Amino acid sequence: GKTTTFQSDSSLVDAIVQAANSVVDVETVVDRT
């Protein structure tokens, strides 16, 4: 088996942060790690 690496796209990360913050029961949102 084999895998590679990647980095996430900023505009999509921003959209997820905004969406997650609007969801009930989401308490903490981290943008990147």
PDB file of all heavy atoms in Angstrom:
ATOM      1  N   GLY A   1       0.832  -1.194   0.000  1.00  0.00           N
ATOM      2  CA  GLY A   1       0.000   0.000   0.000  1.00  0.00           C
ATOM      3  C   GLY A   1       0.862   1.237   0.000  1.00  0.00           C
ATOM      4  O   GLY A   1       2.057   1.186   0.322  1.00  0.00           O
ATOM      5  N   LYS A   2       0.246   2.386  -0.399  1.00  0.00           N
ATOM      6  CA  LYS A   2       1.018   3.626  -0.468  1.00  0.00           C
ATOM      7  C   LYS A   2       0.082   4.816  -0.336  1.00  0.00           C
ATOM      8  O   LYS A   2      -1.066   4.771  -0.787  1.00  0.00           O
ATOM      9  CB  LYS A   2       1.788   3.703  -1.791  1.00  0.00           C
ATOM     10  CG  LYS A   2       2.890   4.742  -1.807  1.00  0.00           C
ATOM     11  CD  LYS A   2       3.722   4.646  -3.076  1.00  0.00           C
ATOM     12  CE  LYS A   2       4.878   5.650  -3.031  1.00  0.00           C
ATOM     13  NZ  LYS A   2       5.683   5.616  -4.271  1.00  0.00           N
ATOM     14  N   THR A   3       0.570   5.883   0.303  1.00  0.00           N
ATOM     15  CA  THR A   3      -0.182   7.129   0.416  1.00  0.00           C
ATOM     16  C   THR A   3       0.738   8.289   0.087  1.00  0.00           C
ATOM     17  O   THR A   3       1.960   8.128  -0.022  1.00  0.00           O
ATOM     18  CB  THR A   3      -0.760   7.336   1.829  1.00  0.00           C
ATOM     19  OG1 THR A   3       0.318   7.634   2.733  1.00  0.00           O
ATOM     20  CG2 THR A   3      -1.501   6.099   2.316  1.00  0.00           C
ATOM     21  N   THR A   4       0.152   9.469  -0.054  1.00  0.00           N
ATOM     22  CA  THR A   4       0.944  10.675  -0.259  1.00  0.00           C
ATOM     23  C   THR A   4       0.444  11.762   0.696  1.00  0.00           C
ATOM     24  O   THR A   4      -0.252  11.457   1.658  1.00  0.00           O
ATOM     25  CB  THR A   4       0.896  11.110  -1.738  1.00  0.00           C
ATOM     26  OG1 THR A   4       1.827  12.182  -1.933  1.00  0.00           O
ATOM     27  CG2 THR A   4      -0.495  11.545  -2.168  1.00  0.00           C
ATOM     28  N   THR A   5       0.789  12.999   0.442  1.00  0.00           N
ATOM     29  CA  THR A   5       0.436  14.077   1.371  1.00  0.00           C
ATOM     30  C   THR A   5      -0.372  15.150   0.655  1.00  0.00           C
ATOM     31  O   THR A   5      -0.542  15.103  -0.569  1.00  0.00           O
ATOM     32  CB  THR A   5       1.702  14.676   2.019  1.00  0.00           C
ATOM     33  OG1 THR A   5       1.335  15.540   3.094  1.00  0.00           O
ATOM     34  CG2 THR A   5       2.541  15.429   1.007  1.00  0.00           C
ATOM     35  N   PHE A   6      -0.871  16.128   1.384  1.00  0.00           N
ATOM     36  CA  PHE A   6      -1.690  17.184   0.799  1.00  0.00           C
ATOM     37  C   PHE A   6      -1.789  18.364   1.763  1.00  0.00           C
ATOM     38  O   PHE A   6      -1.502  18.246   2.950  1.00  0.00           O
ATOM     39  CB  PHE A   6      -3.106  16.685   0.471  1.00  0.00           C
ATOM     40  CG  PHE A   6      -3.890  16.232   1.675  1.00  0.00           C
ATOM     41  CD1 PHE A   6      -4.612  17.137   2.446  1.00  0.00           C
ATOM     42  CD2 PHE A   6      -3.906  14.893   2.049  1.00  0.00           C
ATOM     43  CE1 PHE A   6      -5.315  16.733   3.565  1.00  0.00           C
ATOM     44  CE2 PHE A   6      -4.610  14.468   3.170  1.00  0.00           C
ATOM     45  CZ  PHE A   6      -5.318  15.396   3.930  1.00  0.00           C
ATOM     46  N   GLN A   7      -2.248  19.492   1.224  1.00  0.00           N
ATOM     47  CA  GLN A   7      -2.681  20.637   2.020  1.00  0.00           C
ATOM     48  C   GLN A   7      -4.082  21.031   1.585  1.00  0.00           C
ATOM     49  O   GLN A   7      -4.464  20.849   0.423  1.00  0.00           O
ATOM     50  CB  GLN A   7      -1.722  21.820   1.837  1.00  0.00           C
ATOM     51  CG  GLN A   7      -0.381  21.629   2.523  1.00  0.00           C
ATOM     52  CD  GLN A   7       0.505  22.855   2.410  1.00  0.00           C
ATOM     53  OE1 GLN A   7       1.464  22.871   1.652  1.00  0.00           O
ATOM     54  NE2 GLN A   7       0.183  23.878   3.185  1.00  0.00           N
ATOM     55  N   SER A   8      -4.865  21.546   2.522  1.00  0.00           N
ATOM     56  CA  SER A   8      -6.255  21.897   2.247  1.00  0.00           C
ATOM     57  C   SER A   8      -6.361  23.305   1.658  1.00  0.00           C
ATOM     58  O   SER A   8      -5.492  24.151   1.880  1.00  0.00           O
ATOM     59  CB  SER A   8      -7.081  21.805   3.537  1.00  0.00           C
ATOM     60  OG  SER A   8      -7.074  20.486   4.039  1.00  0.00           O
ATOM     61  N   ASP A   9      -7.447  23.541   0.915  1.00  0.00           N
ATOM     62  CA  ASP A   9      -7.680  24.825   0.272  1.00  0.00           C
ATOM     63  C   ASP A   9      -8.351  25.798   1.238  1.00  0.00           C
ATOM     64  O   ASP A   9      -9.366  25.479   1.862  1.00  0.00           O
ATOM     65  CB  ASP A   9      -8.547  24.622  -0.969  1.00  0.00           C
ATOM     66  CG  ASP A   9      -7.796  23.867  -2.056  1.00  0.00           C
ATOM     67  OD1 ASP A   9      -6.886  24.452  -2.653  1.00  0.00           O
ATOM     68  OD2 ASP A   9      -8.123  22.680  -2.295  1.00  0.00           O
ATOM     69  N   SER A  10      -7.805  27.014   1.314  1.00  0.00           N
ATOM     70  CA  SER A  10      -8.209  27.983   2.329  1.00  0.00           C
ATOM     71  C   SER A  10      -9.685  28.368   2.245  1.00  0.00           C
ATOM     72  O   SER A  10     -10.378  28.450   3.269  1.00  0.00           O
ATOM     73  CB  SER A  10      -7.341  29.238   2.230  1.00  0.00           C
ATOM     74  OG  SER A  10      -6.003  28.940   2.547  1.00  0.00           O
ATOM     75  N   SER A  11     -10.190  28.614   1.033  1.00  0.00           N
ATOM     76  CA  SER A  11     -11.579  29.067   0.918  1.00  0.00           C
ATOM     77  C   SER A  11     -12.550  27.981   1.361  1.00  0.00           C
ATOM     78  O   SER A  11     -13.595  28.271   1.962  1.00  0.00           O
ATOM     79  CB  SER A  11     -11.883  29.498  -0.515  1.00  0.00           C
ATOM     80  OG  SER A  11     -11.661  28.437  -1.425  1.00  0.00           O
ATOM     81  N   LEU A  12     -12.189  26.727   1.119  1.00  0.00           N
ATOM     82  CA  LEU A  12     -13.044  25.624   1.562  1.00  0.00           C
ATOM     83  C   LEU A  12     -12.964  25.468   3.079  1.00  0.00           C
ATOM     84  O   LEU A  12     -13.984  25.219   3.745  1.00  0.00           O
ATOM     85  CB  LEU A  12     -12.630  24.331   0.861  1.00  0.00           C
ATOM     86  CG  LEU A  12     -13.523  23.114   1.065  1.00  0.00           C
ATOM     87  CD1 LEU A  12     -14.982  23.418   0.741  1.00  0.00           C
ATOM     88  CD2 LEU A  12     -13.018  21.938   0.224  1.00  0.00           C
ATOM     89  N   VAL A  13     -11.782  25.632   3.639  1.00  0.00           N
ATOM     90  CA  VAL A  13     -11.629  25.589   5.095  1.00  0.00           C
ATOM     91  C   VAL A  13     -12.480  26.670   5.746  1.00  0.00           C
ATOM     92  O   VAL A  13     -13.184  26.420   6.737  1.00  0.00           O
ATOM     93  CB  VAL A  13     -10.146  25.752   5.484  1.00  0.00           C
ATOM     94  CG1 VAL A  13      -9.996  25.894   7.004  1.00  0.00           C
ATOM     95  CG2 VAL A  13      -9.335  24.562   4.992  1.00  0.00           C
ATOM     96  N   ASP A  14     -12.457  27.861   5.186  1.00  0.00           N
ATOM     97  CA  ASP A  14     -13.259  28.955   5.732  1.00  0.00           C
ATOM     98  C   ASP A  14     -14.748  28.627   5.692  1.00  0.00           C
ATOM     99  O   ASP A  14     -15.495  28.932   6.640  1.00  0.00           O
ATOM    100  CB  ASP A  14     -12.996  30.242   4.948  1.00  0.00           C
ATOM    101  CG  ASP A  14     -11.581  30.778   5.155  1.00  0.00           C
ATOM    102  OD1 ASP A  14     -10.934  30.355   6.127  1.00  0.00           O
ATOM    103  OD2 ASP A  14     -11.147  31.597   4.332  1.00  0.00           O
ATOM    104  N   ALA A  15     -15.191  27.982   4.603  1.00  0.00           N
ATOM    105  CA  ALA A  15     -16.607  27.621   4.482  1.00  0.00           C
ATOM    106  C   ALA A  15     -17.012  26.597   5.537  1.00  0.00           C
ATOM    107  O   ALA A  15     -18.112  26.667   6.106  1.00  0.00           O
ATOM    108  CB  ALA A  15     -16.891  27.072   3.080  1.00  0.00           C
ATOM    109  N   ILE A  16     -16.134  25.662   5.836  1.00  0.00           N
ATOM    110  CA  ILE A  16     -16.436  24.640   6.845  1.00  0.00           C
ATOM    111  C   ILE A  16     -16.475  25.262   8.232  1.00  0.00           C
ATOM    112  O   ILE A  16     -17.344  24.928   9.048  1.00  0.00           O
ATOM    113  CB  ILE A  16     -15.412  23.495   6.770  1.00  0.00           C
ATOM    114  CG1 ILE A  16     -15.565  22.742   5.450  1.00  0.00           C
ATOM    115  CG2 ILE A  16     -15.572  22.540   7.952  1.00  0.00           C
ATOM    116  CD1 ILE A  16     -14.379  21.924   5.070  1.00  0.00           C
ATOM    117  N   VAL A  17     -15.541  26.162   8.519  1.00  0.00           N
ATOM    118  CA  VAL A  17     -15.556  26.848   9.810  1.00  0.00           C
ATOM    119  C   VAL A  17     -16.886  27.574  10.002  1.00  0.00           C
ATOM    120  O   VAL A  17     -17.522  27.481  11.067  1.00  0.00           O
ATOM    121  CB  VAL A  17     -14.379  27.837   9.912  1.00  0.00           C
ATOM    122  CG1 VAL A  17     -14.534  28.732  11.137  1.00  0.00           C
ATOM    123  CG2 VAL A  17     -13.052  27.081   9.973  1.00  0.00           C
ATOM    124  N   GLN A  18     -17.338  28.280   8.981  1.00  0.00           N
ATOM    125  CA  GLN A  18     -18.600  29.009   9.066  1.00  0.00           C
ATOM    126  C   GLN A  18     -19.771  28.052   9.246  1.00  0.00           C
ATOM    127  O   GLN A  18     -20.661  28.284  10.088  1.00  0.00           O
ATOM    128  CB  GLN A  18     -18.804  29.852   7.806  1.00  0.00           C
ATOM    129  CG  GLN A  18     -20.071  30.697   7.816  1.00  0.00           C
ATOM    130  CD  GLN A  18     -20.189  31.564   6.572  1.00  0.00           C
ATOM    131  OE1 GLN A  18     -19.226  31.743   5.844  1.00  0.00           O
ATOM    132  NE2 GLN A  18     -21.388  32.098   6.336  1.00  0.00           N
ATOM    133  N   ALA A  19     -19.779  26.956   8.475  1.00  0.00           N
ATOM    134  CA  ALA A  19     -20.881  25.997   8.570  1.00  0.00           C
ATOM    135  C   ALA A  19     -20.888  25.317   9.938  1.00  0.00           C
ATOM    136  O   ALA A  19     -21.937  25.173  10.574  1.00  0.00           O
ATOM    137  CB  ALA A  19     -20.762  24.952   7.466  1.00  0.00           C
ATOM    138  N   ALA A  20     -19.713  24.890  10.413  1.00  0.00           N
ATOM    139  CA  ALA A  20     -19.639  24.180  11.694  1.00  0.00           C
ATOM    140  C   ALA A  20     -20.094  25.073  12.842  1.00  0.00           C
ATOM    141  O   ALA A  20     -20.770  24.608  13.773  1.00  0.00           O
ATOM    142  CB  ALA A  20     -18.219  23.687  11.935  1.00  0.00           C
ATOM    143  N   ASN A  21     -19.762  26.335  12.778  1.00  0.00           N
ATOM    144  CA  ASN A  21     -20.168  27.250  13.846  1.00  0.00           C
ATOM    145  C   ASN A  21     -21.680  27.468  13.891  1.00  0.00           C
ATOM    146  O   ASN A  21     -22.204  27.949  14.908  1.00  0.00           O
ATOM    147  CB  ASN A  21     -19.454  28.594  13.678  1.00  0.00           C
ATOM    148  CG  ASN A  21     -18.056  28.575  14.260  1.00  0.00           C
ATOM    149  OD1 ASN A  21     -17.825  28.018  15.335  1.00  0.00           O
ATOM    150  ND2 ASN A  21     -17.098  29.178  13.556  1.00  0.00           N
ATOM    151  N   SER A  22     -22.375  27.115  12.828  1.00  0.00           N
ATOM    152  CA  SER A  22     -23.825  27.273  12.805  1.00  0.00           C
ATOM    153  C   SER A  22     -24.568  26.011  13.237  1.00  0.00           C
ATOM    154  O   SER A  22     -25.795  26.015  13.335  1.00  0.00           O
ATOM    155  CB  SER A  22     -24.279  27.662  11.392  1.00  0.00           C
ATOM    156  OG  SER A  22     -24.158  26.561  10.495  1.00  0.00           O
ATOM    157  N   VAL A  23     -23.845  24.931  13.510  1.00  0.00           N
ATOM    158  CA  VAL A  23     -24.465  23.640  13.849  1.00  0.00           C
ATOM    159  C   VAL A  23     -24.600  23.518  15.361  1.00  0.00           C
ATOM    160  O   VAL A  23     -23.629  23.705  16.104  1.00  0.00           O
ATOM    161  CB  VAL A  23     -23.635  22.471  13.272  1.00  0.00           C
ATOM    162  CG1 VAL A  23     -24.157  21.136  13.790  1.00  0.00           C
ATOM    163  CG2 VAL A  23     -23.661  22.506  11.749  1.00  0.00           C
ATOM    164  N   VAL A  24     -25.788  23.178  15.802  1.00  0.00           N
ATOM    165  CA  VAL A  24     -26.042  22.936  17.224  1.00  0.00           C
ATOM    166  C   VAL A  24     -25.164  21.779  17.705  1.00  0.00           C
ATOM    167  O   VAL A  24     -24.958  20.801  16.984  1.00  0.00           O
ATOM    168  CB  VAL A  24     -27.533  22.616  17.450  1.00  0.00           C
ATOM    169  CG1 VAL A  24     -27.796  22.258  18.916  1.00  0.00           C
ATOM    170  CG2 VAL A  24     -28.409  23.794  17.021  1.00  0.00           C
ATOM    171  N   ASP A  25     -24.644  21.897  18.902  1.00  0.00           N
ATOM    172  CA  ASP A  25     -23.797  20.903  19.564  1.00  0.00           C
ATOM    173  C   ASP A  25     -22.336  20.964  19.129  1.00  0.00           C
ATOM    174  O   ASP A  25     -21.508  20.228  19.681  1.00  0.00           O
ATOM    175  CB  ASP A  25     -24.324  19.469  19.383  1.00  0.00           C
ATOM    176  CG  ASP A  25     -25.679  19.262  20.036  1.00  0.00           C
ATOM    177  OD1 ASP A  25     -25.937  19.913  21.071  1.00  0.00           O
ATOM    178  OD2 ASP A  25     -26.484  18.473  19.505  1.00  0.00           O
ATOM    179  N   VAL A  26     -21.995  21.787  18.148  1.00  0.00           N
ATOM    180  CA  VAL A  26     -20.580  22.034  17.871  1.00  0.00           C
ATOM    181  C   VAL A  26     -20.086  23.080  18.865  1.00  0.00           C
ATOM    182  O   VAL A  26     -20.612  24.191  18.929  1.00  0.00           O
ATOM    183  CB  VAL A  26     -20.359  22.508  16.421  1.00  0.00           C
ATOM    184  CG1 VAL A  26     -18.910  22.969  16.228  1.00  0.00           C
ATOM    185  CG2 VAL A  26     -20.682  21.389  15.440  1.00  0.00           C
ATOM    186  N   GLU A  27     -19.087  22.708  19.649  1.00  0.00           N
ATOM    187  CA  GLU A  27     -18.608  23.581  20.723  1.00  0.00           C
ATOM    188  C   GLU A  27     -17.284  24.262  20.384  1.00  0.00           C
ATOM    189  O   GLU A  27     -17.015  25.377  20.837  1.00  0.00           O
ATOM    190  CB  GLU A  27     -18.453  22.767  22.009  1.00  0.00           C
ATOM    191  CG  GLU A  27     -19.773  22.168  22.492  1.00  0.00           C
ATOM    192  CD  GLU A  27     -19.580  21.195  23.641  1.00  0.00           C
ATOM    193  OE1 GLU A  27     -18.400  20.943  24.005  1.00  0.00           O
ATOM    194  OE2 GLU A  27     -20.585  20.677  24.166  1.00  0.00           O
ATOM    195  N   THR A  28     -16.442  23.575  19.611  1.00  0.00           N
ATOM    196  CA  THR A  28     -15.120  24.101  19.282  1.00  0.00           C
ATOM    197  C   THR A  28     -14.842  23.854  17.809  1.00  0.00           C
ATOM    198  O   THR A  28     -15.071  22.740  17.316  1.00  0.00           O
ATOM    199  CB  THR A  28     -14.019  23.409  20.118  1.00  0.00           C
ATOM    200  OG1 THR A  28     -14.336  23.517  21.505  1.00  0.00           O
ATOM    201  CG2 THR A  28     -12.659  24.034  19.849  1.00  0.00           C
ATOM    202  N   VAL A  29     -14.355  24.867  17.112  1.00  0.00           N
ATOM    203  CA  VAL A  29     -13.976  24.714  15.709  1.00  0.00           C
ATOM    204  C   VAL A  29     -12.530  25.168  15.547  1.00  0.00           C
ATOM    205  O   VAL A  29     -12.159  26.272  15.939  1.00  0.00           O
ATOM    206  CB  VAL A  29     -14.893  25.526  14.766  1.00  0.00           C
ATOM    207  CG1 VAL A  29     -14.470  25.338  13.315  1.00  0.00           C
ATOM    208  CG2 VAL A  29     -16.343  25.117  14.964  1.00  0.00           C
ATOM    209  N   VAL A  30     -11.710  24.297  14.997  1.00  0.00           N
ATOM    210  CA  VAL A  30     -10.301  24.584  14.708  1.00  0.00           C
ATOM    211  C   VAL A  30     -10.150  24.649  13.197  1.00  0.00           C
ATOM    212  O   VAL A  30     -10.666  23.790  12.484  1.00  0.00           O
ATOM    213  CB  VAL A  30      -9.381  23.490  15.288  1.00  0.00           C
ATOM    214  CG1 VAL A  30      -7.928  23.737  14.916  1.00  0.00           C
ATOM    215  CG2 VAL A  30      -9.557  23.399  16.798  1.00  0.00           C
ATOM    216  N   ASP A  31      -9.431  25.644  12.701  1.00  0.00           N
ATOM    217  CA  ASP A  31      -9.344  25.748  11.248  1.00  0.00           C
ATOM    218  C   ASP A  31      -8.359  24.745  10.656  1.00  0.00           C
ATOM    219  O   ASP A  31      -8.705  24.027   9.718  1.00  0.00           O
ATOM    220  CB  ASP A  31      -9.018  27.182  10.805  1.00  0.00           C
ATOM    221  CG  ASP A  31      -7.754  27.722  11.454  1.00  0.00           C
ATOM    222  OD1 ASP A  31      -7.168  27.044  12.313  1.00  0.00           O
ATOM    223  OD2 ASP A  31      -7.346  28.842  11.082  1.00  0.00           O
ATOM    224  N   ARG A  32      -7.137  24.646  11.188  1.00  0.00           N
ATOM    225  CA  ARG A  32      -6.138  23.763  10.598  1.00  0.00           C
ATOM    226  C   ARG A  32      -5.276  23.099  11.679  1.00  0.00           C
ATOM    227  O   ARG A  32      -4.947  23.724  12.684  1.00  0.00           O
ATOM    228  CB  ARG A  32      -5.183  24.535   9.671  1.00  0.00           C
ATOM    229  CG  ARG A  32      -5.816  25.106   8.418  1.00  0.00           C
ATOM    230  CD  ARG A  32      -4.815  25.962   7.659  1.00  0.00           C
ATOM    231  NE  ARG A  32      -5.402  26.544   6.476  1.00  0.00           N
ATOM    232  CZ  ARG A  32      -5.411  25.981   5.270  1.00  0.00           C
ATOM    233  NH1 ARG A  32      -4.845  24.801   5.104  1.00  0.00           N
ATOM    234  NH2 ARG A  32      -5.971  26.588   4.244  1.00  0.00           N
ATOM    235  N   THR A  33      -4.862  21.863  11.403  1.00  0.00           N
ATOM    236  CA  THR A  33      -3.854  21.197  12.225  1.00  0.00           C
ATOM    237  C   THR A  33      -3.265  20.055  11.415  1.00  0.00           C
ATOM    238  O   THR A  33      -3.926  19.476  10.548  1.00  0.00           O
ATOM    239  CB  THR A  33      -4.444  20.687  13.555  1.00  0.00           C
ATOM    240  OG1 THR A  33      -3.383  20.252  14.406  1.00  0.00           O
ATOM    241  CG2 THR A  33      -5.396  19.523  13.327  1.00  0.00           C
TER     242      THR A  33
END
